[in-house]
Protein backbone atom coordinates (compact mmCIF):
# COMPACT_ATOMS: atom_id res chain seq x y z
CA MET A 1 37.70 -121.74 80.27
CA ARG A 2 34.95 -122.25 77.71
CA VAL A 3 31.47 -123.40 78.81
CA THR A 4 28.02 -123.99 77.34
CA ILE A 5 25.13 -123.10 79.63
CA ASP A 6 22.71 -125.96 80.23
CA ARG A 7 20.09 -124.29 82.41
CA LEU A 8 19.32 -121.49 84.83
CA GLY A 9 19.44 -121.84 88.59
CA GLN A 10 16.69 -120.54 90.85
CA HIS A 11 18.68 -117.34 91.47
CA GLY A 12 19.14 -116.60 87.75
CA ASP A 13 22.73 -117.78 87.28
CA GLY A 14 23.55 -119.78 84.19
CA ILE A 15 24.68 -123.30 85.07
CA ALA A 16 27.08 -125.38 82.97
CA ILE A 17 27.48 -129.04 83.87
CA SER A 18 31.09 -130.27 83.94
CA GLU A 19 32.81 -133.44 85.09
CA ALA A 20 33.87 -131.63 88.25
CA GLY A 21 30.33 -130.44 88.98
CA PRO A 22 28.17 -127.40 88.16
CA ILE A 23 29.79 -124.15 87.06
CA TYR A 24 27.84 -120.98 87.83
CA ALA A 25 27.96 -118.11 85.33
CA PRO A 26 26.07 -114.95 86.34
CA GLY A 27 24.27 -113.19 83.51
CA LEU A 28 24.28 -116.09 81.04
CA LEU A 29 21.31 -117.89 79.49
CA PRO A 30 20.73 -121.52 78.46
CA GLY A 31 22.46 -122.43 75.21
CA GLU A 32 25.00 -119.62 75.37
CA VAL A 33 28.68 -120.37 74.84
CA ALA A 34 31.10 -118.23 76.81
CA GLU A 35 34.69 -117.99 78.01
CA GLY A 36 35.87 -116.79 81.38
CA ASP A 37 38.11 -117.33 84.37
CA LEU A 38 37.05 -120.06 86.77
CA ASP A 39 37.23 -119.17 90.47
CA GLY A 40 36.07 -122.18 92.45
CA ASP A 41 32.73 -123.06 90.86
CA THR A 42 32.00 -119.55 89.49
CA LEU A 43 32.96 -118.15 86.10
CA GLY A 44 34.19 -114.56 86.06
CA ASN A 45 35.41 -112.08 83.44
CA ILE A 46 32.83 -113.58 81.11
CA ARG A 47 32.98 -113.12 77.32
CA ILE A 48 29.95 -114.36 75.42
CA LEU A 49 30.92 -116.19 72.23
CA SER A 50 27.46 -117.32 71.11
CA PRO A 51 24.52 -115.35 72.52
CA SER A 52 21.04 -116.81 73.01
CA SER A 53 18.12 -115.62 70.89
CA ASP A 54 16.42 -114.83 74.23
CA ARG A 55 19.11 -112.28 75.12
CA VAL A 56 18.03 -108.63 74.99
CA LYS A 57 19.71 -105.32 75.71
CA PRO A 58 19.05 -104.39 79.35
CA PRO A 59 16.61 -101.45 79.43
CA CYS A 60 18.27 -99.86 82.47
CA SER A 61 21.58 -98.00 82.34
CA HIS A 62 22.39 -99.33 85.85
CA ALA A 63 21.86 -103.01 85.00
CA LYS A 64 25.51 -104.09 85.02
CA ALA A 65 26.43 -102.44 88.32
CA CYS A 66 23.24 -102.52 90.37
CA GLY A 67 22.22 -105.62 92.30
CA GLY A 68 18.50 -104.88 92.18
CA CYS A 69 17.68 -106.69 88.92
CA LEU A 70 19.16 -110.02 87.85
CA MET A 71 17.31 -110.80 84.61
CA GLN A 72 17.26 -107.64 82.47
CA HIS A 73 19.38 -109.45 79.88
CA ALA A 74 16.54 -111.90 79.14
CA GLY A 75 13.34 -111.32 77.18
CA ASP A 76 10.01 -111.15 79.00
CA ALA A 77 8.68 -114.37 77.45
CA PHE A 78 11.78 -116.28 78.54
CA VAL A 79 11.55 -114.99 82.12
CA ALA A 80 7.83 -115.85 82.31
CA ASP A 81 8.52 -119.42 81.16
CA TRP A 82 11.47 -119.74 83.54
CA LYS A 83 9.38 -118.65 86.53
CA GLN A 84 6.64 -121.09 85.58
CA ASP A 85 9.28 -123.82 85.44
CA ILE A 86 10.50 -122.92 88.95
CA LEU A 87 6.96 -123.43 90.24
CA ARG A 88 6.44 -126.56 88.14
CA VAL A 89 9.62 -128.14 89.53
CA ALA A 90 8.64 -127.24 93.10
CA LEU A 91 5.26 -128.92 92.64
CA SER A 92 6.85 -131.94 90.98
CA GLY A 93 9.14 -132.34 93.97
CA GLN A 94 6.01 -132.99 96.04
CA GLY A 95 4.48 -135.27 93.42
CA LEU A 96 2.01 -132.58 92.33
CA SER A 97 1.01 -130.96 89.06
CA ALA A 98 -1.63 -128.44 87.98
CA PRO A 99 -2.86 -126.44 84.99
CA PHE A 100 -1.15 -123.05 84.67
CA LEU A 101 -3.08 -119.88 83.96
CA GLU A 102 -1.26 -117.26 81.90
CA THR A 103 1.55 -115.46 83.72
CA VAL A 104 0.93 -111.79 84.49
CA THR A 105 4.02 -109.56 84.70
CA SER A 106 4.03 -106.08 86.23
CA ALA A 107 5.12 -103.29 83.92
CA ALA A 108 8.47 -101.53 84.11
CA GLN A 109 8.57 -98.48 86.40
CA SER A 110 5.68 -99.78 88.50
CA ARG A 111 7.31 -100.78 91.81
CA ARG A 112 5.58 -98.66 94.44
CA ARG A 113 7.67 -99.78 97.41
CA ALA A 114 11.44 -100.10 97.77
CA THR A 115 14.21 -99.82 100.34
CA ILE A 116 16.91 -97.31 99.44
CA THR A 117 20.24 -97.20 101.28
CA GLY A 118 22.12 -93.96 101.87
CA ARG A 119 25.18 -92.56 103.58
CA LYS A 120 27.17 -89.36 103.74
CA THR A 121 30.35 -88.87 101.70
CA LYS A 122 33.08 -86.24 101.68
CA THR A 123 31.25 -84.32 98.98
CA GLY A 124 27.61 -84.99 99.79
CA VAL A 125 25.40 -88.07 99.72
CA LEU A 126 25.58 -91.53 98.16
CA MET A 127 22.24 -93.25 97.78
CA GLY A 128 20.90 -96.28 95.90
CA PHE A 129 21.11 -100.10 95.91
CA HIS A 130 24.01 -102.37 96.80
CA SER A 131 25.81 -104.11 93.97
CA ARG A 132 25.11 -107.84 94.01
CA GLY A 133 27.02 -109.59 96.78
CA THR A 134 29.00 -106.51 97.83
CA ASP A 135 28.83 -103.48 100.11
CA THR A 136 29.28 -101.14 97.13
CA LEU A 137 26.44 -98.65 96.91
CA ILE A 138 25.25 -97.85 93.37
CA PRO A 139 23.22 -94.68 92.64
CA VAL A 140 20.15 -95.46 90.48
CA PRO A 141 18.69 -92.14 89.23
CA ASN A 142 17.41 -93.79 86.03
CA CYS A 143 16.05 -96.97 87.64
CA GLN A 144 13.58 -98.71 85.31
CA LEU A 145 12.02 -100.70 88.14
CA LEU A 146 10.78 -97.98 90.48
CA HIS A 147 7.63 -95.95 89.92
CA PRO A 148 8.48 -92.38 88.78
CA ASP A 149 6.92 -91.01 91.98
CA LEU A 150 9.58 -92.84 94.00
CA ILE A 151 12.36 -91.47 91.80
CA ALA A 152 10.89 -87.98 92.17
CA GLY A 153 11.30 -88.34 95.93
CA PHE A 154 15.07 -88.88 95.76
CA PRO A 155 15.99 -85.22 96.49
CA GLY A 156 13.97 -85.39 99.71
CA LEU A 157 15.59 -88.69 100.64
CA GLU A 158 19.01 -87.10 100.14
CA GLY A 159 17.95 -84.50 102.68
CA LEU A 160 17.14 -87.24 105.17
CA VAL A 161 20.51 -88.90 104.55
CA LYS A 162 22.34 -85.61 105.19
CA LEU A 163 20.55 -85.17 108.50
CA GLY A 164 20.43 -88.75 109.72
CA SER A 165 23.51 -90.67 108.57
CA THR A 166 27.29 -90.48 108.87
CA ARG A 167 30.20 -91.37 106.58
CA THR A 168 30.67 -94.65 108.45
CA THR A 169 27.07 -95.79 108.82
CA GLU A 170 24.28 -96.37 106.33
CA ILE A 171 20.60 -95.76 106.76
CA GLN A 172 17.81 -97.72 105.10
CA MET A 173 14.80 -95.83 103.83
CA THR A 174 11.72 -97.86 102.96
CA ILE A 175 9.61 -95.68 100.68
CA THR A 176 6.03 -96.41 99.68
CA ARG A 177 3.89 -94.55 97.18
CA SER A 178 0.55 -93.44 98.60
CA ALA A 179 -2.36 -91.26 97.52
CA SER A 180 -1.01 -88.36 99.58
CA GLY A 181 2.73 -88.62 98.93
CA LEU A 182 5.60 -90.88 99.88
CA ASP A 183 5.43 -92.80 103.13
CA VAL A 184 9.01 -93.07 104.43
CA SER A 185 10.29 -95.33 107.19
CA VAL A 186 13.96 -95.00 108.23
CA THR A 187 16.12 -97.42 110.18
CA GLY A 188 19.79 -97.21 111.15
CA GLY A 189 19.83 -93.42 111.49
CA LYS A 190 21.13 -91.11 114.21
CA ARG A 191 19.32 -90.85 117.50
CA LEU A 192 16.63 -88.18 117.43
CA ASP A 193 16.86 -84.93 119.39
CA ALA A 194 14.64 -81.86 119.33
CA ALA A 195 16.65 -79.99 116.69
CA MET A 196 16.83 -83.01 114.40
CA ARG A 197 13.08 -83.58 114.68
CA MET A 198 12.42 -80.07 113.49
CA ASP A 199 14.91 -80.38 110.63
CA LEU A 200 13.38 -83.68 109.52
CA ALA A 201 9.88 -82.19 109.63
CA ARG A 202 11.04 -79.37 107.36
CA VAL A 203 12.32 -81.90 104.80
CA ILE A 204 8.98 -83.72 104.86
CA GLU A 205 7.07 -80.50 104.30
CA ALA A 206 9.40 -79.19 101.61
CA HIS A 207 9.14 -82.39 99.55
CA SER A 208 5.46 -83.12 100.28
CA PHE A 209 6.12 -86.51 101.86
CA ALA A 210 3.05 -87.93 103.61
CA ARG A 211 4.72 -89.43 106.68
CA LEU A 212 8.17 -89.99 108.17
CA THR A 213 8.82 -92.78 110.65
CA TRP A 214 12.28 -92.85 112.27
CA SER A 215 13.36 -96.04 114.06
CA GLY A 216 9.71 -96.92 114.63
CA GLU A 217 8.62 -93.45 115.82
CA THR A 218 6.39 -91.23 113.67
CA VAL A 219 8.32 -87.97 113.45
CA ALA A 220 6.17 -86.11 110.94
CA LEU A 221 2.70 -86.65 109.49
CA ARG A 222 1.74 -84.20 106.74
CA ALA A 223 -1.18 -86.32 105.50
CA PRO A 224 -2.36 -89.91 106.12
CA PRO A 225 -0.56 -92.16 103.57
CA GLN A 226 -3.69 -93.94 102.39
CA GLN A 227 -3.95 -97.00 100.20
CA GLY A 228 -7.11 -97.93 98.34
CA PHE A 229 -8.42 -101.47 98.84
CA GLY A 230 -11.61 -101.73 96.83
CA ARG A 231 -13.99 -98.99 98.02
CA ALA A 232 -12.11 -98.50 101.27
CA ASN A 233 -9.14 -96.25 102.00
CA VAL A 234 -6.73 -97.57 104.61
CA THR A 235 -3.82 -95.88 106.36
CA PRO A 236 -1.36 -98.72 107.02
CA PRO A 237 0.83 -98.55 110.12
CA PRO A 238 4.49 -97.71 109.42
CA GLY A 239 6.29 -100.60 107.74
CA ALA A 240 3.12 -102.59 107.09
CA PHE A 241 3.14 -105.11 104.25
CA LEU A 242 1.91 -103.92 100.87
CA GLN A 243 1.98 -105.71 97.52
CA ALA A 244 4.93 -104.51 95.43
CA THR A 245 2.97 -103.04 92.50
CA ALA A 246 -0.58 -101.79 92.05
CA ASP A 247 -1.15 -103.90 88.94
CA GLY A 248 0.34 -106.95 90.66
CA GLU A 249 -2.07 -106.46 93.54
CA ALA A 250 -4.95 -106.13 91.08
CA SER A 251 -3.89 -109.36 89.34
CA LEU A 252 -3.69 -111.24 92.63
CA LEU A 253 -7.11 -109.92 93.60
CA ARG A 254 -8.58 -111.09 90.27
CA ALA A 255 -7.10 -114.55 90.86
CA VAL A 256 -8.46 -114.68 94.42
CA LYS A 257 -11.93 -113.61 93.25
CA LEU A 258 -11.83 -116.24 90.51
CA ALA A 259 -10.93 -118.88 93.10
CA VAL A 260 -13.55 -118.03 95.75
CA GLY A 261 -16.30 -117.53 93.17
CA PRO A 262 -19.76 -116.90 94.68
CA ALA A 263 -18.72 -117.59 98.29
CA ARG A 264 -20.79 -115.64 100.79
CA ARG A 265 -18.69 -116.09 103.95
CA ILE A 266 -14.90 -115.93 103.68
CA VAL A 267 -11.99 -116.18 106.11
CA ASP A 268 -8.92 -114.15 105.07
CA LEU A 269 -5.78 -115.47 106.81
CA PHE A 270 -2.60 -113.37 107.04
CA ALA A 271 -4.89 -110.54 105.94
CA GLY A 272 -2.48 -107.63 106.36
CA CYS A 273 -4.31 -104.32 106.12
CA GLY A 274 -7.10 -105.66 103.91
CA THR A 275 -5.62 -106.17 100.45
CA PHE A 276 -8.11 -108.96 99.77
CA ALA A 277 -10.53 -108.72 102.70
CA LEU A 278 -11.92 -105.28 101.88
CA PRO A 279 -12.56 -105.79 98.14
CA LEU A 280 -14.05 -109.24 98.86
CA ALA A 281 -16.37 -107.64 101.44
CA GLU A 282 -18.22 -105.97 98.58
CA ALA A 283 -19.82 -109.36 97.86
CA ALA A 284 -19.27 -111.51 100.95
CA GLU A 285 -18.98 -111.37 104.72
CA VAL A 286 -15.28 -111.51 105.60
CA HIS A 287 -13.45 -112.44 108.78
CA ALA A 288 -9.85 -111.16 108.59
CA VAL A 289 -7.06 -112.60 110.74
CA GLU A 290 -3.53 -111.19 111.05
CA SER A 291 -0.87 -111.32 113.78
CA GLU A 292 -0.21 -107.57 113.85
CA ALA A 293 -2.88 -105.73 115.85
CA PRO A 294 -2.08 -102.32 114.26
CA MET A 295 -2.80 -103.79 110.80
CA MET A 296 -6.12 -105.16 112.02
CA ALA A 297 -6.98 -101.79 113.52
CA ALA A 298 -6.18 -100.08 110.22
CA LEU A 299 -8.32 -102.57 108.28
CA GLU A 300 -11.24 -102.19 110.69
CA LYS A 301 -11.05 -98.41 110.56
CA GLY A 302 -10.88 -98.46 106.76
CA ALA A 303 -14.02 -100.61 106.56
CA ARG A 304 -16.00 -98.45 108.96
CA GLY A 305 -18.84 -96.56 107.33
CA ILE A 306 -18.08 -97.63 103.75
CA GLU A 307 -21.35 -97.96 101.86
CA GLY A 308 -21.89 -101.26 100.11
CA LEU A 309 -19.59 -103.40 102.25
CA LYS A 310 -20.92 -106.50 103.92
CA LYS A 311 -19.95 -107.43 107.47
CA VAL A 312 -16.21 -107.31 108.18
CA THR A 313 -14.77 -108.69 111.40
CA VAL A 314 -11.13 -108.83 112.47
CA ALA A 315 -8.93 -110.76 114.89
CA ALA A 316 -5.28 -110.23 115.83
CA ARG A 317 -3.80 -113.71 116.16
CA ASP A 318 -0.43 -115.36 115.54
CA LEU A 319 -1.36 -118.03 112.99
CA PHE A 320 1.99 -119.77 113.37
CA ARG A 321 1.55 -120.35 117.09
CA ARG A 322 -2.26 -120.44 117.16
CA PRO A 323 -3.65 -121.43 113.77
CA LEU A 324 -7.42 -121.37 113.38
CA GLU A 325 -8.72 -124.74 114.49
CA PRO A 326 -10.96 -126.87 112.23
CA ASP A 327 -14.16 -126.05 114.12
CA GLU A 328 -13.52 -122.31 113.70
CA PHE A 329 -14.12 -122.65 109.95
CA LYS A 330 -17.68 -123.89 110.35
CA GLY A 331 -20.12 -121.90 108.21
CA PHE A 332 -17.47 -120.44 105.89
CA ASP A 333 -17.60 -121.08 102.14
CA ALA A 334 -14.04 -120.14 101.28
CA VAL A 335 -10.64 -119.32 102.73
CA VAL A 336 -8.04 -116.89 101.41
CA ILE A 337 -4.52 -117.46 102.72
CA ASP A 338 -1.44 -115.35 101.93
CA PRO A 339 1.37 -116.36 104.31
CA PRO A 340 4.94 -115.03 104.37
CA ARG A 341 7.81 -116.93 102.74
CA ALA A 342 7.85 -119.58 105.48
CA GLY A 343 4.44 -120.77 104.33
CA ALA A 344 1.69 -121.91 106.69
CA GLU A 345 2.25 -125.58 107.47
CA ALA A 346 0.43 -125.63 110.80
CA GLN A 347 -2.54 -123.69 109.45
CA MET A 348 -2.76 -125.90 106.36
CA LYS A 349 -2.98 -129.00 108.56
CA CYS A 350 -6.00 -127.47 110.30
CA LEU A 351 -7.53 -126.49 106.97
CA ALA A 352 -7.05 -130.01 105.68
CA ILE A 353 -9.25 -131.27 108.53
CA ALA A 354 -11.79 -128.43 108.24
CA ARG A 355 -12.52 -129.24 104.57
CA VAL A 356 -13.74 -125.74 103.65
CA PRO A 357 -15.06 -126.07 100.06
CA VAL A 358 -12.64 -123.60 98.41
CA ILE A 359 -9.19 -122.26 99.30
CA ALA A 360 -7.58 -119.36 97.42
CA ALA A 361 -3.85 -119.47 98.15
CA VAL A 362 -1.32 -116.72 97.49
CA SER A 363 2.38 -117.39 98.00
CA CYS A 364 5.76 -115.74 97.48
CA ASN A 365 7.73 -119.00 97.80
CA PRO A 366 7.13 -121.95 95.43
CA ILE A 367 8.94 -124.38 97.74
CA THR A 368 6.82 -123.75 100.84
CA PHE A 369 3.70 -123.43 98.67
CA ALA A 370 4.31 -126.89 97.21
CA ARG A 371 4.90 -128.33 100.69
CA ASP A 372 1.65 -126.81 101.97
CA ALA A 373 -0.23 -127.81 98.81
CA LYS A 374 0.68 -131.44 99.37
CA ILE A 375 -0.94 -131.31 102.81
CA LEU A 376 -4.21 -130.21 101.22
CA VAL A 377 -4.04 -132.63 98.29
CA ASP A 378 -3.27 -135.55 100.59
CA ALA A 379 -6.42 -134.61 102.53
CA GLY A 380 -8.57 -134.83 99.40
CA TYR A 381 -8.34 -131.33 97.94
CA ARG A 382 -7.88 -130.83 94.20
CA LEU A 383 -5.32 -128.30 92.99
CA ASP A 384 -7.43 -126.74 90.23
CA TRP A 385 -4.92 -124.23 88.83
CA VAL A 386 -1.90 -122.10 89.61
CA GLN A 387 -0.85 -118.73 88.20
CA VAL A 388 2.46 -116.87 88.39
CA ILE A 389 1.87 -113.19 89.21
CA ASP A 390 5.25 -111.58 88.57
CA GLN A 391 5.34 -108.38 90.59
CA PHE A 392 9.10 -108.62 90.98
CA ARG A 393 10.05 -108.00 87.38
CA TRP A 394 13.61 -108.92 86.35
CA SER A 395 14.23 -110.75 89.63
CA SER A 396 14.35 -114.44 90.56
CA HIS A 397 11.41 -113.95 92.92
CA VAL A 398 8.29 -116.00 92.09
CA GLU A 399 4.85 -115.03 93.39
CA LEU A 400 1.73 -117.05 92.65
CA ALA A 401 -1.95 -117.61 93.23
CA ALA A 402 -3.78 -120.95 93.24
CA LYS A 403 -7.18 -122.51 93.74
CA PHE A 404 -7.90 -125.63 95.80
CA SER A 405 -11.35 -127.19 95.93
CA MET A 406 -12.82 -130.07 97.91
CA PRO A 407 -14.78 -132.35 95.57
CA LYS A 408 -18.33 -132.98 96.71
CA SER A 409 -18.75 -136.46 98.10
């Protein structure tokens, strides 16, 4: 069957419109003409007859097999425009629009956190990412997404797989780059016993990993896996949220600072371990709120005794079940809010009543962001600007920052 691609879907598949409905063609770009075998509504065995001028040679040797990156066949400018369009369409669906600041895209080989899967084989270890939509595990020794420090840790990870997995079960290893070595958290592995603990500790020492957490238990700690947030150094609890790239985090922080401006008292909601709260505390008093008490403890400890920081207070509170009420925002000049993918509908309704002058919003889901934005706009807020911050290079994932302001009456 021959098709011409009309547009891209939100997951990066080319879409051709036919009389029978949409046809999905993975790996194709708008305007491309291709032939293939139709299976249901998906084109397979694709042969490109007329390539797009936006098509580029994938920079990674694993691009065709690995499921980690969907858009390596498209130029950076095309992907940036496409991600802006995803956000623009989401806003339009709520009757909203806004000026767009320039998209910022993280560099190749900058991802500082990833989850690697591994299992034993007859001859050794298989370790990498799953091929898209399958259980096939693809080794990625030349991955162009991961920071070189993560790649350098692969031999140590293979040691963990040998000790902790079987030929019939896989283990997942979340690895995070830190100032003192890789921070590794393993799930799905064998049950620990005394001998295995000692063997795992030897692997950590031999490969200079900072910390190993096994099924939620810290098995070895060679050095605290610290992260720098402004002037403060924080040791996140195992598995704590961290922005995907250092330059992406810096871009989000610049956007948040631009949004809050000269605010002197700030509430940081869904604050994590202090990604925004601690740098903002260099110029303003900050009250940080997050559901996970260990994250709040890490933030508070990181802030303690740091010269030049203004007052930092913390509260562990589930903002989905107990959002901050309107009267709790009295006296604050600005709010920073960075919820998970589900958004923060209940909290936004309280913010809409509170009418704090400025809200800096960070989101990893354009759909829930647009839904929450409408709540604020309907309450009188102005959506001043939005900006795509693309930490998830070559993926369909869209992350963004935005500024809302309440016009003075």
